[in-house]
């Protein structure tokens, strides 16, 4: 069995400091094979905010894979934003904008969708997509193939967010290259469900985390996801800090089964009662 922990939208600078120690303790208890943070580690890409994010990452066990979000580029310094948008990210978090963690049974690939030329909209760059697809195809049989990005590949109109440029063709390309799971954030809303861009197409399992630490809740709770995979089945368990609580407690897990290379991921034929908790993602 592989165990992956999915955090997102930490927004250091607007974080709830009382959740930091409970988060570190929870990660220690869950012992994931890898922790993924799908963007917006900071609120305004300031050095002290990156320092706080780096300090948290250093306390998490095992490998940690992070990708930038739109908040992780300078906002008030247009010269830095255009000429060196990821300089602080590279210095504090990782020199890699498209990191990869390769483990027995699991390959996690980072895809950078942050666009310095706009405020919040994401961008799929052709070169980055080609590299991601090549990495997916190079996975060995039996590996769960996960792609982590900040912006969802589809954003519902109700979200008030601008759709990501190049998202539709990218979703098809990732599915055809063999992606199993898409991890994202940005919307501060939790969701987990299979998604196929076209009728009869291969379905990706799309999992969104809300915001793990910030005060910018948008009507939901601070949360994170534990994803486990074994024997053709994926379980997604959402851990949430409800109301003023300073602990993350689990919801009933949502389960999905692998229908094969042609079909992709789907709800089991005998879904448990817990599957009612699933929501359609903004893939």
C-alpha atoms as a PDB file:
ATOM      1  CA  UNK A   1       0.000   0.000   0.000  1.00  0.00           C
ATOM      2  CA  UNK A   2       1.165   3.550  -0.756  1.00  0.00           C
ATOM      3  CA  UNK A   3       0.129   6.526   1.372  1.00  0.00           C
ATOM      4  CA  UNK A   4       0.143  10.094   0.071  1.00  0.00           C
ATOM      5  CA  UNK A   5      -0.768  13.199   2.062  1.00  0.00           C
ATOM      6  CA  UNK A   6      -2.167  16.174   0.148  1.00  0.00           C
ATOM      7  CA  UNK A   7      -2.014  19.694   1.592  1.00  0.00           C
ATOM      8  CA  UNK A   8      -2.766  22.926  -0.251  1.00  0.00           C
ATOM      9  CA  UNK A   9      -3.070  26.708   0.054  1.00  0.00           C
ATOM     10  CA  UNK A  10      -1.150  27.197   3.295  1.00  0.00           C
ATOM     11  CA  UNK A  11      -1.045  30.983   2.766  1.00  0.00           C
ATOM     12  CA  UNK A  12       1.636  31.783   5.324  1.00  0.00           C
ATOM     13  CA  UNK A  13       1.008  35.418   6.201  1.00  0.00           C
ATOM     14  CA  UNK A  14      -2.702  34.635   6.619  1.00  0.00           C
ATOM     15  CA  UNK A  15      -2.323  31.309   8.443  1.00  0.00           C
ATOM     16  CA  UNK A  16      -3.938  30.035  11.633  1.00  0.00           C
ATOM     17  CA  UNK A  17      -0.856  29.488  13.825  1.00  0.00           C
ATOM     18  CA  UNK A  18      -2.819  27.325  16.254  1.00  0.00           C
ATOM     19  CA  UNK A  19      -3.103  24.653  13.533  1.00  0.00           C
ATOM     20  CA  UNK A  20       0.639  24.285  12.911  1.00  0.00           C
ATOM     21  CA  UNK A  21       1.498  21.890  15.736  1.00  0.00           C
ATOM     22  CA  UNK A  22      -1.631  19.744  15.216  1.00  0.00           C
ATOM     23  CA  UNK A  23      -0.742  19.490  11.521  1.00  0.00           C
ATOM     24  CA  UNK A  24       2.832  18.399  12.205  1.00  0.00           C
ATOM     25  CA  UNK A  25       1.601  15.869  14.771  1.00  0.00           C
ATOM     26  CA  UNK A  26      -0.991  14.461  12.359  1.00  0.00           C
ATOM     27  CA  UNK A  27       1.538  14.030   9.552  1.00  0.00           C
ATOM     28  CA  UNK A  28       3.816  12.215  11.991  1.00  0.00           C
ATOM     29  CA  UNK A  29       1.028   9.821  12.960  1.00  0.00           C
ATOM     30  CA  UNK A  30      -0.090   9.145   9.383  1.00  0.00           C
ATOM     31  CA  UNK A  31       3.473   8.439   8.146  1.00  0.00           C
ATOM     32  CA  UNK A  32       2.861   9.134   4.433  1.00  0.00           C
ATOM     33  CA  UNK A  33       5.276   7.903   1.795  1.00  0.00           C
ATOM     34  CA  UNK A  34       5.207  11.425   0.345  1.00  0.00           C
ATOM     35  CA  UNK A  35       3.533  14.721   1.206  1.00  0.00           C
ATOM     36  CA  UNK A  36       2.315  16.940  -1.640  1.00  0.00           C
ATOM     37  CA  UNK A  37       1.605  20.662  -1.235  1.00  0.00           C
ATOM     38  CA  UNK A  38      -0.311  21.925  -4.263  1.00  0.00           C
ATOM     39  CA  UNK A  39       0.610  25.603  -4.242  1.00  0.00           C
ATOM     40  CA  UNK A  40       0.008  28.921  -2.487  1.00  0.00           C
ATOM     41  CA  UNK A  41       2.446  28.266   0.309  1.00  0.00           C
ATOM     42  CA  UNK A  42       2.505  32.043   0.934  1.00  0.00           C
ATOM     43  CA  UNK A  43       0.044  34.923   0.889  1.00  0.00           C
ATOM     44  CA  UNK A  44       2.249  37.550  -0.759  1.00  0.00           C
ATOM     45  CA  UNK A  45       5.524  35.739  -1.633  1.00  0.00           C
ATOM     46  CA  UNK A  46       7.436  37.687   1.034  1.00  0.00           C
ATOM     47  CA  UNK A  47      10.733  36.301   2.394  1.00  0.00           C
ATOM     48  CA  UNK A  48       9.420  35.768   5.915  1.00  0.00           C
ATOM     49  CA  UNK A  49       6.397  33.906   4.537  1.00  0.00           C
ATOM     50  CA  UNK A  50       8.611  31.603   2.499  1.00  0.00           C
ATOM     51  CA  UNK A  51      10.799  31.098   5.566  1.00  0.00           C
ATOM     52  CA  UNK A  52       7.748  29.977   7.552  1.00  0.00           C
ATOM     53  CA  UNK A  53       6.715  27.575   4.776  1.00  0.00           C
ATOM     54  CA  UNK A  54      10.236  26.158   4.545  1.00  0.00           C
ATOM     55  CA  UNK A  55      10.322  25.670   8.334  1.00  0.00           C
ATOM     56  CA  UNK A  56       7.101  23.646   8.166  1.00  0.00           C
ATOM     57  CA  UNK A  57       8.364  21.516   5.275  1.00  0.00           C
ATOM     58  CA  UNK A  58      11.558  20.765   7.208  1.00  0.00           C
ATOM     59  CA  UNK A  59       9.454  19.315  10.051  1.00  0.00           C
ATOM     60  CA  UNK A  60       7.447  16.942   7.861  1.00  0.00           C
ATOM     61  CA  UNK A  61       8.704  13.357   7.619  1.00  0.00           C
ATOM     62  CA  UNK A  62       9.665  11.776   4.319  1.00  0.00           C
ATOM     63  CA  UNK A  63       9.843  13.472   0.919  1.00  0.00           C
ATOM     64  CA  UNK A  64       7.770  16.622   0.359  1.00  0.00           C
ATOM     65  CA  UNK A  65       6.828  17.718  -3.168  1.00  0.00           C
ATOM     66  CA  UNK A  66       5.589  21.284  -3.650  1.00  0.00           C
ATOM     67  CA  UNK A  67       4.501  23.280  -6.703  1.00  0.00           C
ATOM     68  CA  UNK A  68       4.007  27.064  -6.873  1.00  0.00           C
ATOM     69  CA  UNK A  69       0.642  28.802  -6.828  1.00  0.00           C
ATOM     70  CA  UNK A  70      -0.373  32.245  -8.003  1.00  0.00           C
ATOM     71  CA  UNK A  71       0.237  33.690  -4.513  1.00  0.00           C
ATOM     72  CA  UNK A  72       3.830  32.448  -4.563  1.00  0.00           C
ATOM     73  CA  UNK A  73       4.969  35.146  -7.026  1.00  0.00           C
ATOM     74  CA  UNK A  74       5.620  38.802  -6.052  1.00  0.00           C
ATOM     75  CA  UNK A  75       2.518  40.966  -6.417  1.00  0.00           C
ATOM     76  CA  UNK A  76       3.726  44.450  -5.473  1.00  0.00           C
ATOM     77  CA  UNK A  77       7.071  44.265  -7.313  1.00  0.00           C
ATOM     78  CA  UNK A  78       6.202  44.050 -11.036  1.00  0.00           C
ATOM     79  CA  UNK A  79       9.846  43.930 -12.135  1.00  0.00           C
ATOM     80  CA  UNK A  80      10.599  40.920  -9.945  1.00  0.00           C
ATOM     81  CA  UNK A  81       7.304  39.309 -10.943  1.00  0.00           C
ATOM     82  CA  UNK A  82       8.133  39.488 -14.642  1.00  0.00           C
ATOM     83  CA  UNK A  83      11.892  38.897 -14.567  1.00  0.00           C
ATOM     84  CA  UNK A  84      12.360  36.557 -11.581  1.00  0.00           C
ATOM     85  CA  UNK A  85       8.893  35.398 -10.515  1.00  0.00           C
ATOM     86  CA  UNK A  86      10.112  32.239  -8.764  1.00  0.00           C
ATOM     87  CA  UNK A  87      13.415  33.473  -7.286  1.00  0.00           C
ATOM     88  CA  UNK A  88      12.162  33.401  -3.690  1.00  0.00           C
ATOM     89  CA  UNK A  89      10.499  30.039  -4.249  1.00  0.00           C
ATOM     90  CA  UNK A  90      13.738  28.536  -5.563  1.00  0.00           C
ATOM     91  CA  UNK A  91      15.736  29.956  -2.653  1.00  0.00           C
ATOM     92  CA  UNK A  92      13.387  28.865   0.141  1.00  0.00           C
ATOM     93  CA  UNK A  93      11.414  25.856  -1.095  1.00  0.00           C
ATOM     94  CA  UNK A  94      13.134  24.090  -3.982  1.00  0.00           C
ATOM     95  CA  UNK A  95      15.206  24.898  -7.068  1.00  0.00           C
ATOM     96  CA  UNK A  96      12.758  22.688  -8.961  1.00  0.00           C
ATOM     97  CA  UNK A  97       9.450  24.063 -10.265  1.00  0.00           C
ATOM     98  CA  UNK A  98       8.495  20.654 -11.686  1.00  0.00           C
ATOM     99  CA  UNK A  99       9.748  18.216  -9.034  1.00  0.00           C
ATOM    100  CA  UNK A 100       9.156  14.477  -9.126  1.00  0.00           C
ATOM    101  CA  UNK A 101       9.138  11.819  -6.424  1.00  0.00           C
ATOM    102  CA  UNK A 102       9.626   8.276  -7.686  1.00  0.00           C
ATOM    103  CA  UNK A 103       8.984   5.440  -5.213  1.00  0.00           C
ATOM    104  CA  UNK A 104       8.073   1.770  -5.521  1.00  0.00           C
ATOM    105  CA  UNK A 105       4.384   1.807  -6.378  1.00  0.00           C
ATOM    106  CA  UNK A 106       4.146   5.591  -6.713  1.00  0.00           C
ATOM    107  CA  UNK A 107       5.280   8.333  -9.083  1.00  0.00           C
ATOM    108  CA  UNK A 108       4.301  11.933  -8.229  1.00  0.00           C
ATOM    109  CA  UNK A 109       4.985  14.617 -10.846  1.00  0.00           C
ATOM    110  CA  UNK A 110       4.793  18.358 -10.221  1.00  0.00           C
ATOM    111  CA  UNK A 111       3.361  20.631 -12.928  1.00  0.00           C
ATOM    112  CA  UNK A 112       3.850  24.391 -12.513  1.00  0.00           C
ATOM    113  CA  UNK A 113       0.708  26.313 -13.565  1.00  0.00           C
ATOM    114  CA  UNK A 114       1.553  29.707 -11.994  1.00  0.00           C
ATOM    115  CA  UNK A 115       1.550  32.497 -14.605  1.00  0.00           C
ATOM    116  CA  UNK A 116       3.431  35.712 -13.711  1.00  0.00           C
ATOM    117  CA  UNK A 117       1.672  37.668 -16.470  1.00  0.00           C
ATOM    118  CA  UNK A 118      -1.762  37.505 -14.826  1.00  0.00           C
ATOM    119  CA  UNK A 119      -3.010  37.695 -11.247  1.00  0.00           C
ATOM    120  CA  UNK A 120      -4.779  34.426 -10.503  1.00  0.00           C
ATOM    121  CA  UNK A 121      -5.447  32.494 -13.711  1.00  0.00           C
ATOM    122  CA  UNK A 122      -3.345  29.408 -14.319  1.00  0.00           C
ATOM    123  CA  UNK A 123      -1.426  28.470 -17.452  1.00  0.00           C
ATOM    124  CA  UNK A 124      -0.472  25.082 -18.922  1.00  0.00           C
ATOM    125  CA  UNK A 125       2.778  25.605 -20.790  1.00  0.00           C
ATOM    126  CA  UNK A 126       3.248  23.262 -23.784  1.00  0.00           C
ATOM    127  CA  UNK A 127       6.778  22.326 -22.775  1.00  0.00           C
ATOM    128  CA  UNK A 128       5.777  21.569 -19.189  1.00  0.00           C
ATOM    129  CA  UNK A 129       2.858  19.448 -20.385  1.00  0.00           C
ATOM    130  CA  UNK A 130       5.116  17.493 -22.748  1.00  0.00           C
ATOM    131  CA  UNK A 131       7.620  16.807 -19.957  1.00  0.00           C
ATOM    132  CA  UNK A 132       4.842  15.706 -17.603  1.00  0.00           C
ATOM    133  CA  UNK A 133       3.369  13.328 -20.184  1.00  0.00           C
ATOM    134  CA  UNK A 134       6.805  11.854 -20.878  1.00  0.00           C
ATOM    135  CA  UNK A 135       7.292  11.252 -17.151  1.00  0.00           C
ATOM    136  CA  UNK A 136       3.885   9.591 -16.945  1.00  0.00           C
ATOM    137  CA  UNK A 137       4.679   7.253 -19.824  1.00  0.00           C
ATOM    138  CA  UNK A 138       8.018   6.358 -18.208  1.00  0.00           C
ATOM    139  CA  UNK A 139       6.336   5.040 -15.051  1.00  0.00           C
ATOM    140  CA  UNK A 140       6.776   1.330 -14.446  1.00  0.00           C
ATOM    141  CA  UNK A 141       3.761  -1.004 -14.401  1.00  0.00           C
ATOM    142  CA  UNK A 142       2.010  -0.947 -11.067  1.00  0.00           C
ATOM    143  CA  UNK A 143       3.021   2.590 -10.125  1.00  0.00           C
ATOM    144  CA  UNK A 144       0.210   4.961  -9.198  1.00  0.00           C
ATOM    145  CA  UNK A 145       0.764   7.987 -11.444  1.00  0.00           C
ATOM    146  CA  UNK A 146      -0.075  11.281  -9.732  1.00  0.00           C
ATOM    147  CA  UNK A 147       0.171  14.821 -11.133  1.00  0.00           C
ATOM    148  CA  UNK A 148       0.203  17.743  -8.702  1.00  0.00           C
ATOM    149  CA  UNK A 149      -0.631  21.283  -9.848  1.00  0.00           C
ATOM    150  CA  UNK A 150      -2.125  24.337  -8.201  1.00  0.00           C
ATOM    151  CA  UNK A 151      -4.978  25.275 -10.531  1.00  0.00           C
ATOM    152  CA  UNK A 152      -7.814  22.843 -11.286  1.00  0.00           C
ATOM    153  CA  UNK A 153      -8.058  21.771 -14.893  1.00  0.00           C
ATOM    154  CA  UNK A 154     -11.687  22.900 -14.892  1.00  0.00           C
ATOM    155  CA  UNK A 155     -13.083  25.684 -12.734  1.00  0.00           C
ATOM    156  CA  UNK A 156     -16.864  25.929 -12.267  1.00  0.00           C
ATOM    157  CA  UNK A 157     -18.400  29.295 -13.109  1.00  0.00           C
ATOM    158  CA  UNK A 158     -19.657  29.542  -9.526  1.00  0.00           C
ATOM    159  CA  UNK A 159     -16.061  29.643  -8.277  1.00  0.00           C
ATOM    160  CA  UNK A 160     -15.599  33.157  -9.649  1.00  0.00           C
ATOM    161  CA  UNK A 161     -12.160  32.137 -10.942  1.00  0.00           C
ATOM    162  CA  UNK A 162     -10.887  32.550 -14.479  1.00  0.00           C
ATOM    163  CA  UNK A 163     -10.477  29.176 -16.262  1.00  0.00           C
ATOM    164  CA  UNK A 164      -6.916  28.034 -16.762  1.00  0.00           C
ATOM    165  CA  UNK A 165      -5.452  28.565 -20.212  1.00  0.00           C
ATOM    166  CA  UNK A 166      -4.807  25.280 -22.033  1.00  0.00           C
ATOM    167  CA  UNK A 167      -6.663  23.209 -19.457  1.00  0.00           C
ATOM    168  CA  UNK A 168      -8.924  21.216 -21.794  1.00  0.00           C
ATOM    169  CA  UNK A 169      -6.218  19.823 -24.093  1.00  0.00           C
ATOM    170  CA  UNK A 170      -4.014  19.242 -21.052  1.00  0.00           C
ATOM    171  CA  UNK A 171      -6.657  17.097 -19.336  1.00  0.00           C
ATOM    172  CA  UNK A 172      -6.947  14.915 -22.449  1.00  0.00           C
ATOM    173  CA  UNK A 173      -3.177  14.639 -22.819  1.00  0.00           C
ATOM    174  CA  UNK A 174      -2.669  13.673 -19.170  1.00  0.00           C
ATOM    175  CA  UNK A 175      -5.396  11.039 -19.360  1.00  0.00           C
ATOM    176  CA  UNK A 176      -3.944   9.552 -22.540  1.00  0.00           C
ATOM    177  CA  UNK A 177      -0.445   9.522 -21.006  1.00  0.00           C
ATOM    178  CA  UNK A 178      -1.730   7.377 -18.159  1.00  0.00           C
ATOM    179  CA  UNK A 179      -2.276   9.776 -15.245  1.00  0.00           C
ATOM    180  CA  UNK A 180      -4.310   8.230 -12.443  1.00  0.00           C
ATOM    181  CA  UNK A 181      -4.765  11.084  -9.966  1.00  0.00           C
ATOM    182  CA  UNK A 182      -4.754  14.871 -10.290  1.00  0.00           C
ATOM    183  CA  UNK A 183      -4.081  16.834  -7.087  1.00  0.00           C
ATOM    184  CA  UNK A 184      -4.902  20.549  -6.986  1.00  0.00           C
ATOM    185  CA  UNK A 185      -6.105  23.417  -4.801  1.00  0.00           C
ATOM    186  CA  UNK A 186      -6.701  27.114  -5.545  1.00  0.00           C
ATOM    187  CA  UNK A 187     -10.485  27.120  -4.995  1.00  0.00           C
ATOM    188  CA  UNK A 188     -10.363  26.499  -1.221  1.00  0.00           C
ATOM    189  CA  UNK A 189     -13.041  23.850  -1.690  1.00  0.00           C
ATOM    190  CA  UNK A 190     -12.671  20.116  -1.129  1.00  0.00           C
ATOM    191  CA  UNK A 191     -13.741  17.582  -3.764  1.00  0.00           C
ATOM    192  CA  UNK A 192     -12.900  14.069  -4.940  1.00  0.00           C
ATOM    193  CA  UNK A 193     -14.466  12.346  -7.941  1.00  0.00           C
ATOM    194  CA  UNK A 194     -13.654  10.691 -11.277  1.00  0.00           C
ATOM    195  CA  UNK A 195     -13.662  13.028 -14.259  1.00  0.00           C
ATOM    196  CA  UNK A 196     -13.601  12.332 -17.985  1.00  0.00           C
ATOM    197  CA  UNK A 197     -13.387  15.286 -20.347  1.00  0.00           C
ATOM    198  CA  UNK A 198     -15.308  13.496 -23.076  1.00  0.00           C
ATOM    199  CA  UNK A 199     -17.910  10.751 -23.178  1.00  0.00           C
ATOM    200  CA  UNK A 200     -16.240   7.378 -23.057  1.00  0.00           C
ATOM    201  CA  UNK A 201     -12.831   8.892 -22.327  1.00  0.00           C
ATOM    202  CA  UNK A 202     -10.477   7.637 -19.665  1.00  0.00           C
ATOM    203  CA  UNK A 203     -11.444   9.072 -16.279  1.00  0.00           C
ATOM    204  CA  UNK A 204      -8.877  10.695 -14.010  1.00  0.00           C
ATOM    205  CA  UNK A 205      -9.442  10.747 -10.275  1.00  0.00           C
ATOM    206  CA  UNK A 206      -9.408  14.416  -9.337  1.00  0.00           C
ATOM    207  CA  UNK A 207      -8.801  15.386  -5.726  1.00  0.00           C
ATOM    208  CA  UNK A 208      -8.933  18.952  -4.456  1.00  0.00           C
ATOM    209  CA  UNK A 209      -7.836  20.102  -1.023  1.00  0.00           C
ATOM    210  CA  UNK A 210      -9.293  23.249   0.456  1.00  0.00           C
ATOM    211  CA  UNK A 211      -6.943  25.415   2.483  1.00  0.00           C
ATOM    212  CA  UNK A 212      -4.928  23.552   5.075  1.00  0.00           C
ATOM    213  CA  UNK A 213      -3.867  26.461   7.282  1.00  0.00           C
ATOM    214  CA  UNK A 214      -5.237  29.826   6.192  1.00  0.00           C
ATOM    215  CA  UNK A 215      -8.071  32.009   7.436  1.00  0.00           C
ATOM    216  CA  UNK A 216      -9.382  32.350   3.866  1.00  0.00           C
ATOM    217  CA  UNK A 217     -11.952  29.578   4.232  1.00  0.00           C
ATOM    218  CA  UNK A 218     -14.664  30.537   1.700  1.00  0.00           C
ATOM    219  CA  UNK A 219     -17.369  28.715   3.614  1.00  0.00           C
ATOM    220  CA  UNK A 220     -15.470  25.464   4.247  1.00  0.00           C
ATOM    221  CA  UNK A 221     -13.057  24.172   6.878  1.00  0.00           C
ATOM    222  CA  UNK A 222      -9.290  23.905   6.915  1.00  0.00           C
ATOM    223  CA  UNK A 223      -8.484  20.472   5.550  1.00  0.00           C
ATOM    224  CA  UNK A 224      -6.077  18.020   3.920  1.00  0.00           C
ATOM    225  CA  UNK A 225      -6.337  14.608   2.248  1.00  0.00           C
ATOM    226  CA  UNK A 226      -4.882  11.197   2.966  1.00  0.00           C
ATOM    227  CA  UNK A 227      -4.827   9.086  -0.203  1.00  0.00           C
ATOM    228  CA  UNK A 228      -4.049   5.376  -0.062  1.00  0.00           C
ATOM    229  CA  UNK A 229      -3.699   2.954  -2.964  1.00  0.00           C
ATOM    230  CA  UNK A 230      -3.636  -0.824  -2.961  1.00  0.00           C
ATOM    231  CA  UNK A 231      -4.931  -3.607  -5.207  1.00  0.00           C
ATOM    232  CA  UNK A 232      -6.620  -1.358  -7.765  1.00  0.00           C
ATOM    233  CA  UNK A 233      -8.487   0.729  -5.209  1.00  0.00           C
ATOM    234  CA  UNK A 234      -7.918   4.281  -4.000  1.00  0.00           C
ATOM    235  CA  UNK A 235      -9.266   5.646  -0.731  1.00  0.00           C
ATOM    236  CA  UNK A 236      -9.453   9.409  -0.097  1.00  0.00           C
ATOM    237  CA  UNK A 237      -9.922  10.510   3.502  1.00  0.00           C
ATOM    238  CA  UNK A 238     -10.483  14.181   4.220  1.00  0.00           C
ATOM    239  CA  UNK A 239      -9.199  15.500   7.562  1.00  0.00           C
ATOM    240  CA  UNK A 240     -10.832  18.779   8.610  1.00  0.00           C
ATOM    241  CA  UNK A 241     -10.513  21.271  11.474  1.00  0.00           C
ATOM    242  CA  UNK A 242     -14.124  22.222  12.053  1.00  0.00           C
ATOM    243  CA  UNK A 243     -15.155  25.563  13.484  1.00  0.00           C
ATOM    244  CA  UNK A 244     -12.710  26.720  16.148  1.00  0.00           C
ATOM    245  CA  UNK A 245     -11.220  23.241  16.568  1.00  0.00           C
ATOM    246  CA  UNK A 246      -7.450  22.965  16.595  1.00  0.00           C
ATOM    247  CA  UNK A 247      -7.364  19.310  15.591  1.00  0.00           C
ATOM    248  CA  UNK A 248      -7.904  17.665  12.207  1.00  0.00           C
ATOM    249  CA  UNK A 249     -10.462  14.841  12.349  1.00  0.00           C
ATOM    250  CA  UNK A 250     -11.266  12.403   9.525  1.00  0.00           C
ATOM    251  CA  UNK A 251     -14.417  12.152   7.458  1.00  0.00           C
ATOM    252  CA  UNK A 252     -15.511   8.701   6.242  1.00  0.00           C
ATOM    253  CA  UNK A 253     -13.255   7.694   3.341  1.00  0.00           C
ATOM    254  CA  UNK A 254     -14.347   7.891  -0.284  1.00  0.00           C
ATOM    255  CA  UNK A 255     -13.373   4.851  -2.375  1.00  0.00           C
ATOM    256  CA  UNK A 256     -12.660   4.472  -6.101  1.00  0.00           C
ATOM    257  CA  UNK A 257     -11.731   1.492  -8.265  1.00  0.00           C
ATOM    258  CA  UNK A 258      -9.497   1.183 -11.313  1.00  0.00           C
ATOM    259  CA  UNK A 259     -11.474   0.264 -14.415  1.00  0.00           C
ATOM    260  CA  UNK A 260      -8.352  -0.251 -16.534  1.00  0.00           C
ATOM    261  CA  UNK A 261      -6.371   1.758 -19.070  1.00  0.00           C
ATOM    262  CA  UNK A 262      -9.401   2.426 -21.273  1.00  0.00           C
ATOM    263  CA  UNK A 263     -11.878   3.392 -18.549  1.00  0.00           C
ATOM    264  CA  UNK A 264      -9.832   4.878 -15.742  1.00  0.00           C
ATOM    265  CA  UNK A 265     -11.088   5.495 -12.225  1.00  0.00           C
ATOM    266  CA  UNK A 266     -14.687   5.085 -11.165  1.00  0.00           C
ATOM    267  CA  UNK A 267     -16.945   4.651  -8.177  1.00  0.00           C
ATOM    268  CA  UNK A 268     -17.133   1.026  -7.002  1.00  0.00           C
ATOM    269  CA  UNK A 269     -20.179  -0.975  -8.044  1.00  0.00           C
ATOM    270  CA  UNK A 270     -21.049  -1.351  -4.371  1.00  0.00           C
ATOM    271  CA  UNK A 271     -20.102   2.102  -3.043  1.00  0.00           C
ATOM    272  CA  UNK A 272     -20.035   2.450   0.735  1.00  0.00           C
ATOM    273  CA  UNK A 273     -22.284   4.921   2.489  1.00  0.00           C
ATOM    274  CA  UNK A 274     -19.258   7.198   2.834  1.00  0.00           C
ATOM    275  CA  UNK A 275     -19.218   7.824  -0.922  1.00  0.00           C
ATOM    276  CA  UNK A 276     -22.089  10.259  -0.464  1.00  0.00           C
ATOM    277  CA  UNK A 277     -19.456  12.681   0.862  1.00  0.00           C
ATOM    278  CA  UNK A 278     -17.837  12.884  -2.599  1.00  0.00           C
ATOM    279  CA  UNK A 279     -18.247  16.101  -4.516  1.00  0.00           C
ATOM    280  CA  UNK A 280     -17.652  16.891  -8.160  1.00  0.00           C
ATOM    281  CA  UNK A 281     -14.234  18.504  -8.432  1.00  0.00           C
ATOM    282  CA  UNK A 282     -13.375  21.603 -10.360  1.00  0.00           C
ATOM    283  CA  UNK A 283     -11.018  19.507 -12.447  1.00  0.00           C
END
